Protein backbone atom coordinates (compact mmCIF):
# COMPACT_ATOMS: atom_id res chain seq x y z
CA UNK A 1 13.61 19.86 18.84
CA UNK A 2 10.55 22.03 20.25
CA UNK A 3 9.82 24.64 17.09
CA UNK A 4 7.33 27.70 17.85
CA UNK A 5 3.45 26.71 17.75
CA UNK A 6 2.68 28.90 14.90
CA UNK A 7 3.66 29.44 11.05
CA UNK A 8 7.58 30.31 10.45
CA UNK A 9 7.51 33.92 9.93
CA UNK A 10 3.97 34.23 10.40
CA UNK A 11 4.73 36.75 13.18
CA UNK A 12 1.95 39.97 12.27
CA UNK A 13 -0.34 41.19 13.92
CA UNK A 14 -3.71 40.43 13.60
CA UNK A 15 -4.22 44.44 12.49
CA UNK A 16 -1.18 45.19 9.97
CA UNK A 17 -1.36 41.50 8.47
CA UNK A 18 -2.86 41.29 4.74
CA UNK A 19 -3.24 37.16 5.16
CA UNK A 20 -4.09 35.33 8.33
CA UNK A 21 -3.58 31.25 8.97
CA UNK A 22 -6.05 29.13 11.00
CA UNK A 23 -5.75 25.90 11.91
CA UNK A 24 -9.26 23.29 11.81
CA UNK A 25 -8.20 20.60 13.54
CA UNK A 26 -11.21 18.16 12.47
CA UNK A 27 -11.12 14.73 10.94
CA UNK A 28 -14.48 13.54 12.37
CA UNK A 29 -16.43 12.97 8.80
CA UNK A 30 -13.10 11.34 8.42
CA UNK A 31 -13.90 7.72 6.01
CA UNK A 32 -10.44 5.88 6.12
CA UNK A 33 -7.39 7.21 7.87
CA UNK A 34 -7.82 9.35 10.55
CA UNK A 35 -5.51 11.79 12.32
CA UNK A 36 -5.95 14.57 9.23
CA UNK A 37 -6.88 17.14 12.88
CA UNK A 38 -3.43 16.39 13.98
CA UNK A 39 -1.98 18.21 10.13
CA UNK A 40 -2.26 21.61 11.88
CA UNK A 41 0.10 21.03 13.60
CA UNK A 42 2.38 19.37 11.41
CA UNK A 43 2.14 21.34 9.17
CA UNK A 44 3.48 24.47 11.23
CA UNK A 45 6.67 22.22 12.14
CA UNK A 46 7.31 21.75 8.96
CA UNK A 47 6.65 25.97 7.80
CA UNK A 48 10.17 25.44 10.41
CA UNK A 49 12.48 23.62 7.89
CA UNK A 50 12.01 26.30 4.83
CA UNK A 51 14.81 29.19 4.37
CA UNK A 52 12.18 32.68 4.59
CA UNK A 53 13.60 33.46 0.33
CA UNK A 54 12.33 31.76 -2.07
CA UNK A 55 15.15 30.97 -5.24
CA UNK A 56 12.02 30.76 -7.61
CA UNK A 57 10.26 33.97 -7.12
CA UNK A 58 12.35 36.11 -5.56
CA UNK A 59 10.81 36.86 -3.19
CA UNK A 60 11.46 36.99 1.37
CA UNK A 61 8.53 35.44 3.11
CA UNK A 62 9.51 38.29 5.50
CA UNK A 63 8.84 40.62 4.17
CA UNK A 64 4.96 39.96 3.75
CA UNK A 65 2.20 40.20 6.51
CA UNK A 66 1.15 36.73 8.18
CA UNK A 67 -0.92 36.25 10.83
CA UNK A 68 -0.93 32.83 11.90
CA UNK A 69 -4.02 32.84 14.57
CA UNK A 70 -3.99 29.97 15.95
CA UNK A 71 -6.32 27.53 15.79
CA UNK A 72 -10.39 26.98 15.94
CA UNK A 73 -11.86 25.55 18.85
CA UNK A 74 -13.94 22.97 17.51
CA UNK A 75 -12.82 19.30 18.30
CA UNK A 76 -16.07 18.54 20.30
CA UNK A 77 -18.03 19.93 17.44
CA UNK A 78 -20.76 18.06 15.29
CA UNK A 79 -19.80 18.54 11.60
CA UNK A 80 -22.67 21.20 11.13
CA UNK A 81 -21.16 23.37 14.17
CA UNK A 82 -18.35 22.91 12.45
CA UNK A 83 -19.74 24.76 9.36
CA UNK A 84 -21.28 27.58 11.35
CA UNK A 85 -17.56 28.38 13.15
CA UNK A 86 -15.55 28.50 10.40
CA UNK A 87 -18.56 30.10 7.87
CA UNK A 88 -18.40 32.73 10.97
CA UNK A 89 -15.25 33.18 11.62
CA UNK A 90 -13.51 33.29 7.77
CA UNK A 91 -16.81 35.48 7.38
CA UNK A 92 -14.68 37.74 9.85
CA UNK A 93 -11.59 37.96 8.30
CA UNK A 94 -12.82 39.11 5.38
CA UNK A 95 -14.80 41.96 6.98
CA UNK A 96 -11.35 43.15 8.14
CA UNK A 97 -10.15 42.84 4.65
CA UNK A 98 -7.78 39.24 5.50
CA UNK A 99 -6.72 36.80 2.97
CA UNK A 100 -7.80 33.59 4.57
CA UNK A 101 -5.40 30.48 4.55
CA UNK A 102 -6.91 27.21 6.37
CA UNK A 103 -4.84 24.07 7.55
CA UNK A 104 -7.24 21.23 7.81
CA UNK A 105 -8.65 19.05 8.98
CA UNK A 106 -11.05 16.38 6.71
CA UNK A 107 -12.66 18.38 3.64
CA UNK A 108 -16.21 18.97 4.63
CA UNK A 109 -14.75 22.00 6.56
CA UNK A 110 -14.16 24.47 3.15
CA UNK A 111 -17.88 24.18 2.75
CA UNK A 112 -18.03 26.54 5.40
CA UNK A 113 -14.63 28.91 4.16
CA UNK A 114 -16.49 29.46 0.45
CA UNK A 115 -19.30 30.21 2.29
CA UNK A 116 -18.65 33.26 3.68
CA UNK A 117 -17.79 34.77 0.07
CA UNK A 118 -20.38 36.75 -0.75
CA UNK A 119 -19.01 38.09 -3.99
CA UNK A 120 -19.43 35.80 -7.22
CA UNK A 121 -16.64 34.00 -6.84
CA UNK A 122 -15.34 30.24 -9.01
CA UNK A 123 -14.16 27.53 -7.00
CA UNK A 124 -10.98 25.42 -7.85
CA UNK A 125 -10.73 22.48 -6.43
CA UNK A 126 -7.61 19.69 -6.92
CA UNK A 127 -8.96 16.65 -5.21
CA UNK A 128 -8.55 12.91 -6.19
CA UNK A 129 -12.58 12.49 -5.01
CA UNK A 130 -14.93 14.04 -6.92
CA UNK A 131 -16.67 14.86 -3.61
CA UNK A 132 -20.37 15.18 -4.96
CA UNK A 133 -22.35 12.48 -2.84
CA UNK A 134 -25.29 14.42 -1.87
CA UNK A 135 -24.71 12.56 1.68
CA UNK A 136 -22.34 10.01 3.17
CA UNK A 137 -23.02 8.18 6.24
CA UNK A 138 -25.57 9.70 7.11
CA UNK A 139 -24.01 13.05 7.26
CA UNK A 140 -24.59 15.73 4.80
CA UNK A 141 -21.16 17.69 5.69
CA UNK A 142 -19.62 14.93 5.31
CA UNK A 143 -16.07 15.23 3.49
CA UNK A 144 -17.30 13.18 0.42
CA UNK A 145 -19.83 15.68 0.21
CA UNK A 146 -18.22 18.84 0.01
CA UNK A 147 -18.35 19.90 -3.88
CA UNK A 148 -21.97 19.58 -3.74
CA UNK A 149 -22.50 21.56 -0.50
CA UNK A 150 -20.45 24.15 -2.00
CA UNK A 151 -22.37 24.00 -5.48
CA UNK A 152 -25.44 25.52 -3.29
CA UNK A 153 -23.71 28.32 -2.38
CA UNK A 154 -21.42 28.44 -5.74
CA UNK A 155 -23.44 28.68 -8.99
CA UNK A 156 -22.38 25.06 -10.28
CA UNK A 157 -20.68 26.50 -13.74
CA UNK A 158 -18.08 27.84 -11.28
CA UNK A 159 -16.59 24.76 -9.98
CA UNK A 160 -13.99 22.98 -11.25
CA UNK A 161 -12.18 19.98 -9.82
CA UNK A 162 -8.65 18.88 -11.27
CA UNK A 163 -7.49 15.81 -10.53
CA UNK A 164 -9.64 12.85 -10.04
CA UNK A 165 -9.52 9.84 -10.77
CA UNK A 166 -12.26 8.42 -8.26
CA UNK A 167 -16.33 8.63 -7.24
CA UNK A 168 -18.94 6.35 -7.09
CA UNK A 169 -20.21 5.95 -10.65
CA UNK A 170 -23.98 7.06 -10.17
CA UNK A 171 -22.07 10.17 -8.12
CA UNK A 172 -20.08 10.76 -11.27
CA UNK A 173 -23.58 10.64 -13.39
CA UNK A 174 -25.12 12.98 -11.16
CA UNK A 175 -22.04 15.47 -11.35
CA UNK A 176 -22.58 14.76 -15.37
CA UNK A 177 -26.20 15.67 -15.59
CA UNK A 178 -25.87 18.95 -13.19
CA UNK A 179 -22.85 19.99 -15.45
CA UNK A 180 -19.78 19.81 -13.00
CA UNK A 181 -16.67 20.52 -15.05
CA UNK A 182 -14.01 18.10 -13.80
CA UNK A 183 -10.39 17.20 -15.66
CA UNK A 184 -9.41 13.80 -14.45
CA UNK A 185 -4.88 12.91 -13.99
CA UNK A 186 -4.58 10.86 -16.83
CA UNK A 187 -6.25 13.76 -18.99
CA UNK A 188 -3.87 16.08 -17.63
CA UNK A 189 -0.48 12.88 -17.77
CA UNK A 190 -1.48 12.65 -20.68
CA UNK A 191 -2.12 16.27 -22.69
CA UNK A 192 0.15 18.58 -20.08
CA UNK A 193 -0.97 20.94 -16.61
CA UNK A 194 -0.69 24.12 -19.05
CA UNK A 195 -3.47 22.54 -21.05
CA UNK A 196 -6.06 21.98 -18.42
CA UNK A 197 -5.01 25.44 -16.33
CA UNK A 198 -6.19 27.40 -20.01
CA UNK A 199 -9.74 25.32 -20.14
CA UNK A 200 -10.06 26.10 -16.76
CA UNK A 201 -8.99 29.82 -17.02
CA UNK A 202 -11.64 30.41 -20.06
CA UNK A 203 -14.51 28.22 -18.30
CA UNK A 204 -13.66 30.87 -15.00
CA UNK A 205 -14.38 34.42 -17.37
CA UNK A 206 -11.66 36.09 -15.02
CA UNK A 207 -13.41 35.84 -11.94
CA UNK A 208 -11.89 36.18 -8.14
CA UNK A 209 -10.78 32.39 -7.43
CA UNK A 210 -10.71 30.55 -3.74
CA UNK A 211 -8.45 27.05 -4.83
CA UNK A 212 -8.97 24.33 -2.12
CA UNK A 213 -6.10 21.92 -2.26
CA UNK A 214 -7.19 18.36 -1.19
CA UNK A 215 -3.20 16.93 -0.75
CA UNK A 216 -4.83 13.47 -2.08
CA UNK A 217 -4.81 14.73 -5.38
CA UNK A 218 -1.54 14.07 -5.53
CA UNK A 219 -0.02 10.81 -6.15
CA UNK A 220 0.54 8.14 -3.63
CA UNK A 221 4.23 8.16 -4.35
CA UNK A 222 4.30 12.11 -3.46
CA UNK A 223 1.91 12.92 -0.77
CA UNK A 224 1.24 9.06 1.12
CA UNK A 225 0.30 11.16 4.58
CA UNK A 226 -2.98 11.91 3.68
CA UNK A 227 -6.50 10.25 4.73
CA UNK A 228 -7.55 9.09 0.99
CA UNK A 229 -4.30 8.30 -0.85
CA UNK A 230 -5.22 7.36 -4.83
CA UNK A 231 -2.61 6.21 -7.07
CA UNK A 232 -2.13 7.58 -10.54
CA UNK A 233 -2.43 10.98 -9.17
CA UNK A 234 -0.83 14.79 -10.35
CA UNK A 235 2.44 16.04 -9.57
CA UNK A 236 3.49 19.03 -7.20
CA UNK A 237 4.94 21.06 -9.76
CA UNK A 238 1.86 20.72 -11.87
CA UNK A 239 0.45 22.39 -8.20
CA UNK A 240 2.94 24.95 -8.73
CA UNK A 241 1.96 26.00 -12.14
CA UNK A 242 -1.24 26.19 -10.88
CA UNK A 243 -0.78 28.25 -8.05
CA UNK A 244 1.52 30.42 -10.38
CA UNK A 245 -0.99 30.79 -13.41
CA UNK A 246 -3.86 31.92 -11.52
CA UNK A 247 -2.36 34.18 -8.55
CA UNK A 248 -2.95 37.10 -9.12
CA UNK A 249 -6.93 35.91 -8.95
CA UNK A 250 -6.77 34.04 -6.00
CA UNK A 251 -8.98 35.37 -2.80
CA UNK A 252 -8.54 32.13 -0.03
CA UNK A 253 -7.36 29.34 -0.17
CA UNK A 254 -7.09 26.29 1.61
CA UNK A 255 -5.04 22.58 2.64
CA UNK A 256 -7.02 19.72 3.35
CA UNK A 257 -6.56 16.21 4.19
CA UNK A 258 -3.08 15.91 5.29
CA UNK A 259 -2.42 12.87 7.10
CA UNK A 260 0.52 12.78 9.61
CA UNK A 261 0.02 9.56 11.77
CA UNK A 262 0.96 7.67 7.64
CA UNK A 263 4.18 8.93 6.59
CA UNK A 264 7.20 10.44 8.11
CA UNK A 265 6.51 14.42 7.64
CA UNK A 266 6.84 14.19 3.87
CA UNK A 267 3.18 14.94 3.31
CA UNK A 268 2.80 18.02 5.93
CA UNK A 269 6.01 19.26 4.67
CA UNK A 270 4.51 19.82 1.45
CA UNK A 271 1.57 21.07 2.07
CA UNK A 272 3.57 23.99 4.45
CA UNK A 273 5.37 25.19 1.16
CA UNK A 274 2.46 25.55 -0.98
CA UNK A 275 1.03 27.62 1.62
CA UNK A 276 4.12 29.58 1.47
CA UNK A 277 4.00 29.15 -2.42
CA UNK A 278 0.52 30.75 -2.18
CA UNK A 279 1.38 33.80 -0.03
CA UNK A 280 4.34 34.25 -1.88
CA UNK A 281 2.79 34.41 -5.15
CA UNK A 282 -0.62 36.69 -4.47
CA UNK A 283 1.57 39.36 -2.91
CA UNK A 284 4.00 38.71 -5.84
CA UNK A 285 1.74 39.86 -8.19
CA UNK A 286 -0.30 43.00 -6.79
CA UNK A 287 2.72 44.37 -6.87
CA UNK A 288 3.79 43.63 -10.00
CA UNK A 289 0.63 44.96 -11.80
């Protein structure tokens, strides 16, 4: 069956929309599995699986003004060029008071998104990996360096990583020396996600939050279709709790590293549901308050 080539029910025009979804089909900095460039299309296709009404939060997605811009034209670009194009496009969204929702793509892209925010914000990265290398494979804008690049724009005290369980030894040492805050999946499993989220909330001091979701933060038993799967991850319910907990403060969102060739669509289905949930919860909290 052929589905429309836009995210389900994201059919508001650009001017009327509050939320703008856009794809970044790029994976040239991937280092293990390739195919994340196929993710935006697969996530959009998966979105047509869902009813518009969400039983959990009582929101009908049709009531929200969401626009799908389509994909940015970046397939042949260098990592630097991609970062610049993503940055320029995100700036245009923010100037038009739109909430950006990006579908990646490898995780290097996120630096371009976050660099577009001019106000002081906090960044919450949900990721199995620390991504704090200065460069990787002779490339500074590599997916393994994204948190290091972000820390050059955002105060490192306003960055937190949730679900980490993998990094090079030197990378961990440098991150600790520089004051980077993270909580590993073992801590979350032992103490529960709520305790972790409260620690992050206290750290961020009510700042607006950009959430970047590398889908490999999930255990591979939930999301095997990812570029760098890492065992002993967190669960989809942990991510759901995170979205709901910070929903009022989220000002941008991306989901990265879905790699469709490596499963039967399950990971893209989760990614599409997370996109819908972020939009619904953010929209809902504005109306409750």
